[in-house]
Amino acid sequence: MSTKLKRGDRIDILAPSSFIEKEEDFAKGIEILRTWGLEINENKCLSKRFGYFAGDDITRFQELEKARDSKLIIFAKGGWGSARILEKEPNWGNGFMLGFSDTCSLLLSKYSQGNSGSIHGPMVSSLSREPKWSLERLKTLLFEQYVDDIQGIPLTKGKAKGEIIVSNLTIATFLIGTSHFPDLREKIIIFEDVNEDIYKIDRMLTYLRMTKILSGVAGIGFGSFSGDICTSEWKNLLKDLVLERLKDYNIPILFDLPIGHISGNACIPLGYIATLNADDGILSVHMPID
């Protein structure tokens, strides 16, 4: 279990994916972290650019290794490139590591290798767009190790209990068959994604079925898949697709959880015991008692 943060702790910001474009959003995110009393270690690599990455693979890998023992690594932004670092087999510590989108590859790898601390949640460049409840949720998780329940829409009835894993669907799909993808048996898995056509989501869910990777999973949840603006028709198509592809697993399924590429990206710590209640539409994460 990762150690709670306290005011005055020093943390690290890393950019393992694409380079930082929106410097104003990035600066606002840093200011939020500082208002929480956190000190930020200097990282000259945050201004680097190599093609569409924030530095070449070696540089981004070395920055990750250097920050291994940090109490908190928070990623600057997503994009693409994190999975390339996994080819070099990072050595994971047990501090908090926070991100989503492309950086899910690192969160999943850290969890799969038996290390605690992975958190699916807002990154530096998205912090300033989060509503108050989401920021308070993240601060409470980091400093007090507690999170409130969140609400979704039940698609199939039932209750599931097990370790929770959250990932971008595309990123998770392309890690299958590697040592960086976790065993999902008796786990609760939550997927999110953005800007993917229905047929591409269908393709990925079909691939998950064919790999048998979902065999034995305890429950499944779905976060946001389309950003802040989504037609009801598109959401209904996705809901019907999820139900058609997964109903024969006979497990509880929640839909439309506030997780992912939206303003209101509820942070979830990977590896903690959770309850997915598809009778009432509630996802609860049971935080350990000190």
C-alpha atoms as a PDB file:
ATOM      1  CA  MET A   1       0.000   0.000   0.000  1.00  0.00           C
ATOM      2  CA  SER A   2       1.337   3.435  -0.934  1.00  0.00           C
ATOM      3  CA  THR A   3       2.021   5.989   1.789  1.00  0.00           C
ATOM      4  CA  LYS A   4      -0.417   8.864   2.243  1.00  0.00           C
ATOM      5  CA  LEU A   5       0.834  12.238   1.095  1.00  0.00           C
ATOM      6  CA  LYS A   6       1.217  15.186   3.441  1.00  0.00           C
ATOM      7  CA  ARG A   7       1.856  18.877   2.922  1.00  0.00           C
ATOM      8  CA  GLY A   8       5.474  19.543   2.055  1.00  0.00           C
ATOM      9  CA  ASP A   9       6.004  16.247   0.220  1.00  0.00           C
ATOM     10  CA  ARG A  10       7.999  16.438  -2.983  1.00  0.00           C
ATOM     11  CA  ILE A  11       6.476  14.853  -6.077  1.00  0.00           C
ATOM     12  CA  ASP A  12       7.486  14.254  -9.687  1.00  0.00           C
ATOM     13  CA  ILE A  13       5.813  15.240 -12.946  1.00  0.00           C
ATOM     14  CA  LEU A  14       6.755  13.094 -15.940  1.00  0.00           C
ATOM     15  CA  ALA A  15       5.800  13.250 -19.606  1.00  0.00           C
ATOM     16  CA  PRO A  16       6.076   9.652 -20.902  1.00  0.00           C
ATOM     17  CA  SER A  17       3.823  10.223 -23.912  1.00  0.00           C
ATOM     18  CA  SER A  18       3.267  13.162 -26.252  1.00  0.00           C
ATOM     19  CA  PHE A  19       4.875  16.557 -25.757  1.00  0.00           C
ATOM     20  CA  ILE A  20       3.052  19.315 -23.876  1.00  0.00           C
ATOM     21  CA  GLU A  21       1.095  21.558 -26.223  1.00  0.00           C
ATOM     22  CA  LYS A  22      -1.275  23.491 -23.965  1.00  0.00           C
ATOM     23  CA  GLU A  23       1.230  25.119 -21.637  1.00  0.00           C
ATOM     24  CA  GLU A  24      -1.455  27.235 -19.952  1.00  0.00           C
ATOM     25  CA  ASP A  25      -3.433  24.159 -18.868  1.00  0.00           C
ATOM     26  CA  PHE A  26      -0.207  22.533 -17.693  1.00  0.00           C
ATOM     27  CA  ALA A  27       0.722  25.596 -15.608  1.00  0.00           C
ATOM     28  CA  LYS A  28      -2.757  25.700 -14.047  1.00  0.00           C
ATOM     29  CA  GLY A  29      -2.438  22.048 -13.085  1.00  0.00           C
ATOM     30  CA  ILE A  30       0.887  22.690 -11.357  1.00  0.00           C
ATOM     31  CA  GLU A  31      -0.652  25.557  -9.407  1.00  0.00           C
ATOM     32  CA  ILE A  32      -3.452  23.268  -8.147  1.00  0.00           C
ATOM     33  CA  LEU A  33      -0.882  20.769  -6.886  1.00  0.00           C
ATOM     34  CA  ARG A  34       0.990  23.551  -5.109  1.00  0.00           C
ATOM     35  CA  THR A  35      -2.168  24.778  -3.389  1.00  0.00           C
ATOM     36  CA  TRP A  36      -2.348  21.277  -1.890  1.00  0.00           C
ATOM     37  CA  GLY A  37       1.025  21.949  -0.260  1.00  0.00           C
ATOM     38  CA  LEU A  38       3.042  19.726  -2.593  1.00  0.00           C
ATOM     39  CA  GLU A  39       6.568  20.572  -3.756  1.00  0.00           C
ATOM     40  CA  ILE A  40       7.485  19.614  -7.316  1.00  0.00           C
ATOM     41  CA  ASN A  41      10.895  18.266  -8.268  1.00  0.00           C
ATOM     42  CA  GLU A  42      12.477  20.064 -11.197  1.00  0.00           C
ATOM     43  CA  ASN A  43      12.308  18.182 -14.497  1.00  0.00           C
ATOM     44  CA  LYS A  44      14.022  19.862 -17.428  1.00  0.00           C
ATOM     45  CA  CYS A  45      12.759  17.144 -19.749  1.00  0.00           C
ATOM     46  CA  LEU A  46       9.193  18.463 -19.615  1.00  0.00           C
ATOM     47  CA  SER A  47      10.074  20.973 -22.336  1.00  0.00           C
ATOM     48  CA  LYS A  48      11.716  18.387 -24.615  1.00  0.00           C
ATOM     49  CA  ARG A  49      10.277  17.264 -27.936  1.00  0.00           C
ATOM     50  CA  PHE A  50      11.204  14.324 -30.143  1.00  0.00           C
ATOM     51  CA  GLY A  51       8.821  13.941 -33.055  1.00  0.00           C
ATOM     52  CA  TYR A  52       5.412  13.820 -31.371  1.00  0.00           C
ATOM     53  CA  PHE A  53       6.885  12.525 -28.082  1.00  0.00           C
ATOM     54  CA  ALA A  54       8.132  14.443 -25.024  1.00  0.00           C
ATOM     55  CA  GLY A  55      11.702  13.299 -25.649  1.00  0.00           C
ATOM     56  CA  ASP A  56      13.108  10.119 -27.160  1.00  0.00           C
ATOM     57  CA  ASP A  57      12.430   6.687 -25.673  1.00  0.00           C
ATOM     58  CA  ILE A  58      15.678   6.538 -23.692  1.00  0.00           C
ATOM     59  CA  THR A  59      15.108   9.968 -22.137  1.00  0.00           C
ATOM     60  CA  ARG A  60      11.530   9.193 -21.127  1.00  0.00           C
ATOM     61  CA  PHE A  61      12.560   5.805 -19.730  1.00  0.00           C
ATOM     62  CA  GLN A  62      15.419   7.318 -17.717  1.00  0.00           C
ATOM     63  CA  GLU A  63      13.116   9.958 -16.234  1.00  0.00           C
ATOM     64  CA  LEU A  64      10.728   7.208 -15.137  1.00  0.00           C
ATOM     65  CA  GLU A  65      13.560   5.224 -13.561  1.00  0.00           C
ATOM     66  CA  LYS A  66      14.926   8.298 -11.785  1.00  0.00           C
ATOM     67  CA  ALA A  67      11.529   8.985 -10.189  1.00  0.00           C
ATOM     68  CA  ARG A  68      10.903   5.344  -9.223  1.00  0.00           C
ATOM     69  CA  ASP A  69      10.963   5.991  -5.455  1.00  0.00           C
ATOM     70  CA  SER A  70       8.843   9.158  -5.629  1.00  0.00           C
ATOM     71  CA  LYS A  71       5.819   9.385  -3.310  1.00  0.00           C
ATOM     72  CA  LEU A  72       3.783  10.536  -6.312  1.00  0.00           C
ATOM     73  CA  ILE A  73       4.455  10.483 -10.029  1.00  0.00           C
ATOM     74  CA  ILE A  74       1.761  12.407 -11.858  1.00  0.00           C
ATOM     75  CA  PHE A  75       1.856  12.342 -15.629  1.00  0.00           C
ATOM     76  CA  ALA A  76       1.738  15.564 -17.609  1.00  0.00           C
ATOM     77  CA  LYS A  77      -0.597  14.366 -20.370  1.00  0.00           C
ATOM     78  CA  GLY A  78      -1.458  11.423 -22.582  1.00  0.00           C
ATOM     79  CA  GLY A  79      -1.285  11.108 -26.351  1.00  0.00           C
ATOM     80  CA  TRP A  80       0.945   8.245 -27.420  1.00  0.00           C
ATOM     81  CA  GLY A  81       4.309   6.766 -26.503  1.00  0.00           C
ATOM     82  CA  SER A  82       4.079   5.245 -23.011  1.00  0.00           C
ATOM     83  CA  ALA A  83       3.981   1.659 -24.257  1.00  0.00           C
ATOM     84  CA  ARG A  84       7.308   2.148 -26.034  1.00  0.00           C
ATOM     85  CA  ILE A  85       8.921   2.612 -22.616  1.00  0.00           C
ATOM     86  CA  LEU A  86       7.678  -0.812 -21.532  1.00  0.00           C
ATOM     87  CA  GLU A  87      10.041  -2.456 -24.017  1.00  0.00           C
ATOM     88  CA  LYS A  88      12.824  -1.445 -21.621  1.00  0.00           C
ATOM     89  CA  GLU A  89      11.112  -3.152 -18.637  1.00  0.00           C
ATOM     90  CA  PRO A  90      10.884  -0.357 -16.023  1.00  0.00           C
ATOM     91  CA  ASN A  91      11.559  -1.091 -12.360  1.00  0.00           C
ATOM     92  CA  TRP A  92       8.471  -0.060 -10.431  1.00  0.00           C
ATOM     93  CA  GLY A  93       8.330   1.401  -6.949  1.00  0.00           C
ATOM     94  CA  ASN A  94       5.304   1.460  -4.629  1.00  0.00           C
ATOM     95  CA  GLY A  95       4.558   5.184  -4.571  1.00  0.00           C
ATOM     96  CA  PHE A  96       1.476   6.660  -6.202  1.00  0.00           C
ATOM     97  CA  MET A  97       1.466   6.917 -10.001  1.00  0.00           C
ATOM     98  CA  LEU A  98      -1.380   8.917 -11.502  1.00  0.00           C
ATOM     99  CA  GLY A  99      -2.656   9.137 -15.067  1.00  0.00           C
ATOM    100  CA  PHE A 100      -5.124   7.888 -17.659  1.00  0.00           C
ATOM    101  CA  SER A 101      -5.498   7.609 -21.443  1.00  0.00           C
ATOM    102  CA  ASP A 102      -2.188   6.524 -23.044  1.00  0.00           C
ATOM    103  CA  THR A 103      -0.418   6.293 -19.669  1.00  0.00           C
ATOM    104  CA  CYS A 104      -2.706   3.399 -18.727  1.00  0.00           C
ATOM    105  CA  SER A 105      -0.002   1.177 -20.213  1.00  0.00           C
ATOM    106  CA  LEU A 106       2.281   2.201 -17.337  1.00  0.00           C
ATOM    107  CA  LEU A 107      -0.467   1.929 -14.714  1.00  0.00           C
ATOM    108  CA  LEU A 108      -1.322  -1.593 -15.876  1.00  0.00           C
ATOM    109  CA  SER A 109       2.330  -2.662 -16.027  1.00  0.00           C
ATOM    110  CA  LYS A 110       3.035  -1.428 -12.490  1.00  0.00           C
ATOM    111  CA  TYR A 111      -0.040  -3.263 -11.192  1.00  0.00           C
ATOM    112  CA  SER A 112       0.704  -6.420 -13.190  1.00  0.00           C
ATOM    113  CA  GLN A 113       4.223  -6.615 -11.768  1.00  0.00           C
ATOM    114  CA  GLY A 114       2.825  -6.708  -8.226  1.00  0.00           C
ATOM    115  CA  ASN A 115       3.468  -3.088  -7.247  1.00  0.00           C
ATOM    116  CA  SER A 116       0.865  -0.902  -5.562  1.00  0.00           C
ATOM    117  CA  GLY A 117       0.064   2.748  -6.197  1.00  0.00           C
ATOM    118  CA  SER A 118      -1.416   2.941  -9.714  1.00  0.00           C
ATOM    119  CA  ILE A 119      -4.269   5.470  -9.874  1.00  0.00           C
ATOM    120  CA  HIS A 120      -6.468   6.065 -12.910  1.00  0.00           C
ATOM    121  CA  GLY A 121      -7.345   9.747 -12.740  1.00  0.00           C
ATOM    122  CA  PRO A 122      -6.657  13.303 -13.927  1.00  0.00           C
ATOM    123  CA  MET A 123      -3.222  14.359 -15.160  1.00  0.00           C
ATOM    124  CA  VAL A 124      -1.505  17.733 -14.777  1.00  0.00           C
ATOM    125  CA  SER A 125      -2.829  19.128 -18.064  1.00  0.00           C
ATOM    126  CA  SER A 126      -6.422  18.120 -17.268  1.00  0.00           C
ATOM    127  CA  LEU A 127      -6.562  19.104 -13.573  1.00  0.00           C
ATOM    128  CA  SER A 128      -7.791  22.653 -14.210  1.00  0.00           C
ATOM    129  CA  ARG A 129     -10.782  21.336 -16.192  1.00  0.00           C
ATOM    130  CA  GLU A 130     -11.949  19.057 -13.393  1.00  0.00           C
ATOM    131  CA  PRO A 131     -14.989  20.057 -11.311  1.00  0.00           C
ATOM    132  CA  LYS A 132     -14.585  20.702  -7.597  1.00  0.00           C
ATOM    133  CA  TRP A 133     -15.904  17.276  -6.556  1.00  0.00           C
ATOM    134  CA  SER A 134     -13.361  15.477  -8.745  1.00  0.00           C
ATOM    135  CA  LEU A 135     -10.422  17.525  -7.438  1.00  0.00           C
ATOM    136  CA  GLU A 136     -11.544  16.972  -3.848  1.00  0.00           C
ATOM    137  CA  ARG A 137     -11.888  13.249  -4.543  1.00  0.00           C
ATOM    138  CA  LEU A 138      -8.322  13.078  -5.855  1.00  0.00           C
ATOM    139  CA  LYS A 139      -6.903  15.117  -2.989  1.00  0.00           C
ATOM    140  CA  THR A 140      -8.752  12.949  -0.466  1.00  0.00           C
ATOM    141  CA  LEU A 141      -7.432   9.774  -2.080  1.00  0.00           C
ATOM    142  CA  LEU A 142      -3.831  11.002  -2.039  1.00  0.00           C
ATOM    143  CA  PHE A 143      -3.864  12.516   1.455  1.00  0.00           C
ATOM    144  CA  GLU A 144      -6.428  10.390   3.293  1.00  0.00           C
ATOM    145  CA  GLN A 145      -6.795   7.239   1.156  1.00  0.00           C
ATOM    146  CA  TYR A 146     -10.545   7.424   0.838  1.00  0.00           C
ATOM    147  CA  VAL A 147     -12.953   7.784  -2.092  1.00  0.00           C
ATOM    148  CA  ASP A 148     -16.732   8.117  -2.245  1.00  0.00           C
ATOM    149  CA  ASP A 149     -18.979   5.801  -4.234  1.00  0.00           C
ATOM    150  CA  ILE A 150     -19.788   6.705  -7.825  1.00  0.00           C
ATOM    151  CA  GLN A 151     -22.935   6.033  -9.821  1.00  0.00           C
ATOM    152  CA  GLY A 152     -23.490   4.337 -13.169  1.00  0.00           C
ATOM    153  CA  ILE A 153     -26.340   2.814 -15.156  1.00  0.00           C
ATOM    154  CA  PRO A 154     -27.012  -0.923 -14.596  1.00  0.00           C
ATOM    155  CA  LEU A 155     -27.036  -3.015 -17.771  1.00  0.00           C
ATOM    156  CA  THR A 156     -27.238  -6.430 -16.103  1.00  0.00           C
ATOM    157  CA  LYS A 157     -28.206  -7.127 -12.495  1.00  0.00           C
ATOM    158  CA  GLY A 158     -26.054  -8.548  -9.735  1.00  0.00           C
ATOM    159  CA  LYS A 159     -23.169  -7.694  -7.425  1.00  0.00           C
ATOM    160  CA  ALA A 160     -19.456  -8.372  -7.848  1.00  0.00           C
ATOM    161  CA  LYS A 161     -16.571  -7.982  -5.423  1.00  0.00           C
ATOM    162  CA  GLY A 162     -12.876  -8.110  -6.254  1.00  0.00           C
ATOM    163  CA  GLU A 163      -9.769  -6.080  -6.981  1.00  0.00           C
ATOM    164  CA  ILE A 164     -10.514  -3.193  -9.301  1.00  0.00           C
ATOM    165  CA  ILE A 165      -8.621  -2.394 -12.495  1.00  0.00           C
ATOM    166  CA  VAL A 166      -9.300   0.621 -14.728  1.00  0.00           C
ATOM    167  CA  SER A 167      -7.913   1.207 -18.206  1.00  0.00           C
ATOM    168  CA  ASN A 168      -8.389   2.837 -21.540  1.00  0.00           C
ATOM    169  CA  LEU A 169      -9.880   0.092 -23.717  1.00  0.00           C
ATOM    170  CA  THR A 170      -7.564   0.628 -26.695  1.00  0.00           C
ATOM    171  CA  ILE A 171      -4.421   0.637 -24.548  1.00  0.00           C
ATOM    172  CA  ALA A 172      -5.497  -2.474 -22.643  1.00  0.00           C
ATOM    173  CA  THR A 173      -6.325  -4.349 -25.844  1.00  0.00           C
ATOM    174  CA  PHE A 174      -2.861  -3.823 -27.286  1.00  0.00           C
ATOM    175  CA  LEU A 175      -1.161  -5.078 -24.104  1.00  0.00           C
ATOM    176  CA  ILE A 176      -2.852  -8.486 -24.235  1.00  0.00           C
ATOM    177  CA  GLY A 177      -0.239 -11.211 -24.614  1.00  0.00           C
ATOM    178  CA  THR A 178       2.472  -9.214 -22.825  1.00  0.00           C
ATOM    179  CA  SER A 179       3.668  -9.361 -19.228  1.00  0.00           C
ATOM    180  CA  HIS A 180       2.194  -5.902 -18.708  1.00  0.00           C
ATOM    181  CA  PHE A 181      -1.437  -7.047 -18.918  1.00  0.00           C
ATOM    182  CA  PRO A 182      -2.972  -8.229 -15.624  1.00  0.00           C
ATOM    183  CA  ASP A 183      -4.829 -11.430 -14.855  1.00  0.00           C
ATOM    184  CA  LEU A 184      -8.503 -10.424 -14.825  1.00  0.00           C
ATOM    185  CA  ARG A 185      -9.865 -13.510 -13.107  1.00  0.00           C
ATOM    186  CA  GLU A 186     -12.090 -12.557 -10.138  1.00  0.00           C
ATOM    187  CA  LYS A 187     -11.342  -8.873 -10.819  1.00  0.00           C
ATOM    188  CA  ILE A 188     -13.600  -5.933 -11.603  1.00  0.00           C
ATOM    189  CA  ILE A 189     -12.466  -4.240 -14.805  1.00  0.00           C
ATOM    190  CA  ILE A 190     -13.535  -0.727 -15.869  1.00  0.00           C
ATOM    191  CA  PHE A 191     -12.944   0.441 -19.445  1.00  0.00           C
ATOM    192  CA  GLU A 192     -12.989   3.965 -20.866  1.00  0.00           C
ATOM    193  CA  ASP A 193     -12.000   5.470 -24.219  1.00  0.00           C
ATOM    194  CA  VAL A 194     -12.583   8.470 -26.474  1.00  0.00           C
ATOM    195  CA  ASN A 195     -13.111   9.279 -30.163  1.00  0.00           C
ATOM    196  CA  GLU A 196     -13.476   5.645 -31.188  1.00  0.00           C
ATOM    197  CA  ASP A 197     -16.154   4.678 -33.716  1.00  0.00           C
ATOM    198  CA  ILE A 198     -18.717   2.093 -32.657  1.00  0.00           C
ATOM    199  CA  TYR A 199     -17.290  -0.462 -35.087  1.00  0.00           C
ATOM    200  CA  LYS A 200     -13.827  -0.073 -33.542  1.00  0.00           C
ATOM    201  CA  ILE A 201     -15.200  -0.616 -30.036  1.00  0.00           C
ATOM    202  CA  ASP A 202     -17.059  -3.652 -31.403  1.00  0.00           C
ATOM    203  CA  ARG A 203     -13.774  -4.918 -32.866  1.00  0.00           C
ATOM    204  CA  MET A 204     -11.977  -4.567 -29.533  1.00  0.00           C
ATOM    205  CA  LEU A 205     -14.739  -6.208 -27.501  1.00  0.00           C
ATOM    206  CA  THR A 206     -14.851  -9.064 -30.010  1.00  0.00           C
ATOM    207  CA  TYR A 207     -11.085  -9.460 -29.714  1.00  0.00           C
ATOM    208  CA  LEU A 208     -11.377  -9.564 -25.911  1.00  0.00           C
ATOM    209  CA  ARG A 209     -13.931 -12.346 -26.298  1.00  0.00           C
ATOM    210  CA  MET A 210     -11.704 -14.335 -28.657  1.00  0.00           C
ATOM    211  CA  THR A 211      -8.668 -14.065 -26.371  1.00  0.00           C
ATOM    212  CA  LYS A 212     -10.768 -15.456 -23.477  1.00  0.00           C
ATOM    213  CA  ILE A 213      -9.190 -12.731 -21.361  1.00  0.00           C
ATOM    214  CA  LEU A 214     -12.553 -11.935 -19.755  1.00  0.00           C
ATOM    215  CA  SER A 215     -13.193 -15.520 -18.662  1.00  0.00           C
ATOM    216  CA  GLY A 216     -13.627 -15.511 -14.904  1.00  0.00           C
ATOM    217  CA  VAL A 217     -13.915 -11.720 -14.580  1.00  0.00           C
ATOM    218  CA  ALA A 218     -16.176 -10.770 -11.645  1.00  0.00           C
ATOM    219  CA  GLY A 219     -17.797  -7.652 -13.094  1.00  0.00           C
ATOM    220  CA  ILE A 220     -17.347  -5.021 -15.800  1.00  0.00           C
ATOM    221  CA  GLY A 221     -17.939  -1.284 -15.863  1.00  0.00           C
ATOM    222  CA  PHE A 222     -17.776   1.286 -18.637  1.00  0.00           C
ATOM    223  CA  GLY A 223     -16.866   4.927 -18.215  1.00  0.00           C
ATOM    224  CA  SER A 224     -17.029   7.688 -20.781  1.00  0.00           C
ATOM    225  CA  PHE A 225     -16.362   6.826 -24.431  1.00  0.00           C
ATOM    226  CA  SER A 226     -17.049  10.045 -26.295  1.00  0.00           C
ATOM    227  CA  GLY A 227     -15.856  13.175 -24.534  1.00  0.00           C
ATOM    228  CA  ASP A 228     -18.095  15.878 -23.114  1.00  0.00           C
ATOM    229  CA  ILE A 229     -20.524  16.066 -26.048  1.00  0.00           C
ATOM    230  CA  CYS A 230     -22.346  12.882 -27.003  1.00  0.00           C
ATOM    231  CA  THR A 231     -25.649  12.304 -28.752  1.00  0.00           C
ATOM    232  CA  SER A 232     -28.183  10.073 -27.041  1.00  0.00           C
ATOM    233  CA  GLU A 233     -28.317   7.997 -30.243  1.00  0.00           C
ATOM    234  CA  TRP A 234     -24.568   7.255 -30.097  1.00  0.00           C
ATOM    235  CA  LYS A 235     -24.714   6.401 -26.407  1.00  0.00           C
ATOM    236  CA  ASN A 236     -27.639   4.040 -27.002  1.00  0.00           C
ATOM    237  CA  LEU A 237     -25.702   2.320 -29.797  1.00  0.00           C
ATOM    238  CA  LEU A 238     -22.777   1.806 -27.431  1.00  0.00           C
ATOM    239  CA  LYS A 239     -25.049   0.552 -24.660  1.00  0.00           C
ATOM    240  CA  ASP A 240     -26.664  -1.967 -27.009  1.00  0.00           C
ATOM    241  CA  LEU A 241     -23.244  -3.085 -28.265  1.00  0.00           C
ATOM    242  CA  VAL A 242     -21.887  -3.645 -24.748  1.00  0.00           C
ATOM    243  CA  LEU A 243     -24.947  -5.622 -23.743  1.00  0.00           C
ATOM    244  CA  GLU A 244     -24.904  -7.757 -26.906  1.00  0.00           C
ATOM    245  CA  ARG A 245     -21.188  -8.548 -26.667  1.00  0.00           C
ATOM    246  CA  LEU A 246     -21.019  -9.233 -22.919  1.00  0.00           C
ATOM    247  CA  LYS A 247     -24.412 -10.383 -21.610  1.00  0.00           C
ATOM    248  CA  ASP A 248     -23.560 -14.083 -21.998  1.00  0.00           C
ATOM    249  CA  TYR A 249     -20.833 -13.749 -19.344  1.00  0.00           C
ATOM    250  CA  ASN A 250     -23.640 -13.539 -16.773  1.00  0.00           C
ATOM    251  CA  ILE A 251     -21.853 -10.925 -14.673  1.00  0.00           C
ATOM    252  CA  PRO A 252     -22.980  -7.523 -13.361  1.00  0.00           C
ATOM    253  CA  ILE A 253     -22.283  -4.677 -15.802  1.00  0.00           C
ATOM    254  CA  LEU A 254     -22.400  -0.928 -15.128  1.00  0.00           C
ATOM    255  CA  PHE A 255     -22.498   1.702 -17.860  1.00  0.00           C
ATOM    256  CA  ASP A 256     -21.777   5.445 -18.041  1.00  0.00           C
ATOM    257  CA  LEU A 257     -19.567   5.747 -14.953  1.00  0.00           C
ATOM    258  CA  PRO A 258     -17.905   9.195 -14.541  1.00  0.00           C
ATOM    259  CA  ILE A 259     -14.464   7.935 -15.539  1.00  0.00           C
ATOM    260  CA  GLY A 260     -12.365   8.852 -18.561  1.00  0.00           C
ATOM    261  CA  HIS A 261     -11.935  11.711 -21.026  1.00  0.00           C
ATOM    262  CA  ILE A 262     -14.574  13.937 -19.458  1.00  0.00           C
ATOM    263  CA  SER A 263     -14.739  16.867 -17.081  1.00  0.00           C
ATOM    264  CA  GLY A 264     -15.387  14.838 -13.962  1.00  0.00           C
ATOM    265  CA  ASN A 265     -12.885  11.986 -14.258  1.00  0.00           C
ATOM    266  CA  ALA A 266     -13.334  10.167 -10.949  1.00  0.00           C
ATOM    267  CA  CYS A 267      -9.994   8.792  -9.726  1.00  0.00           C
ATOM    268  CA  ILE A 268      -9.843   5.059  -8.978  1.00  0.00           C
ATOM    269  CA  PRO A 269      -6.892   3.284  -7.288  1.00  0.00           C
ATOM    270  CA  LEU A 270      -6.003   0.007  -9.012  1.00  0.00           C
ATOM    271  CA  GLY A 271      -5.727  -3.139  -6.921  1.00  0.00           C
ATOM    272  CA  TYR A 272      -8.077  -2.175  -4.113  1.00  0.00           C
ATOM    273  CA  ILE A 273     -11.099  -4.311  -3.287  1.00  0.00           C
ATOM    274  CA  ALA A 274     -14.252  -2.861  -4.827  1.00  0.00           C
ATOM    275  CA  THR A 275     -17.920  -3.735  -5.078  1.00  0.00           C
ATOM    276  CA  LEU A 276     -19.773  -3.285  -8.350  1.00  0.00           C
ATOM    277  CA  ASN A 277     -23.473  -3.186  -7.467  1.00  0.00           C
ATOM    278  CA  ALA A 278     -25.456  -3.425 -10.694  1.00  0.00           C
ATOM    279  CA  ASP A 279     -28.723  -3.663  -8.757  1.00  0.00           C
ATOM    280  CA  ASP A 280     -28.361  -0.087  -7.517  1.00  0.00           C
ATOM    281  CA  GLY A 281     -25.812   1.203 -10.066  1.00  0.00           C
ATOM    282  CA  ILE A 282     -23.106   1.916  -7.488  1.00  0.00           C
ATOM    283  CA  LEU A 283     -19.353   1.333  -7.651  1.00  0.00           C
ATOM    284  CA  SER A 284     -17.644   1.341  -4.245  1.00  0.00           C
ATOM    285  CA  VAL A 285     -13.911   1.156  -3.535  1.00  0.00           C
ATOM    286  CA  HIS A 286     -13.067  -0.221  -0.091  1.00  0.00           C
ATOM    287  CA  MET A 287     -10.006   1.600   1.173  1.00  0.00           C
ATOM    288  CA  PRO A 288      -7.788  -0.203   3.725  1.00  0.00           C
ATOM    289  CA  ILE A 289      -7.982   0.843   7.379  1.00  0.00           C
ATOM    290  CA  ASP A 290      -4.687   1.986   8.923  1.00  0.00           C
END
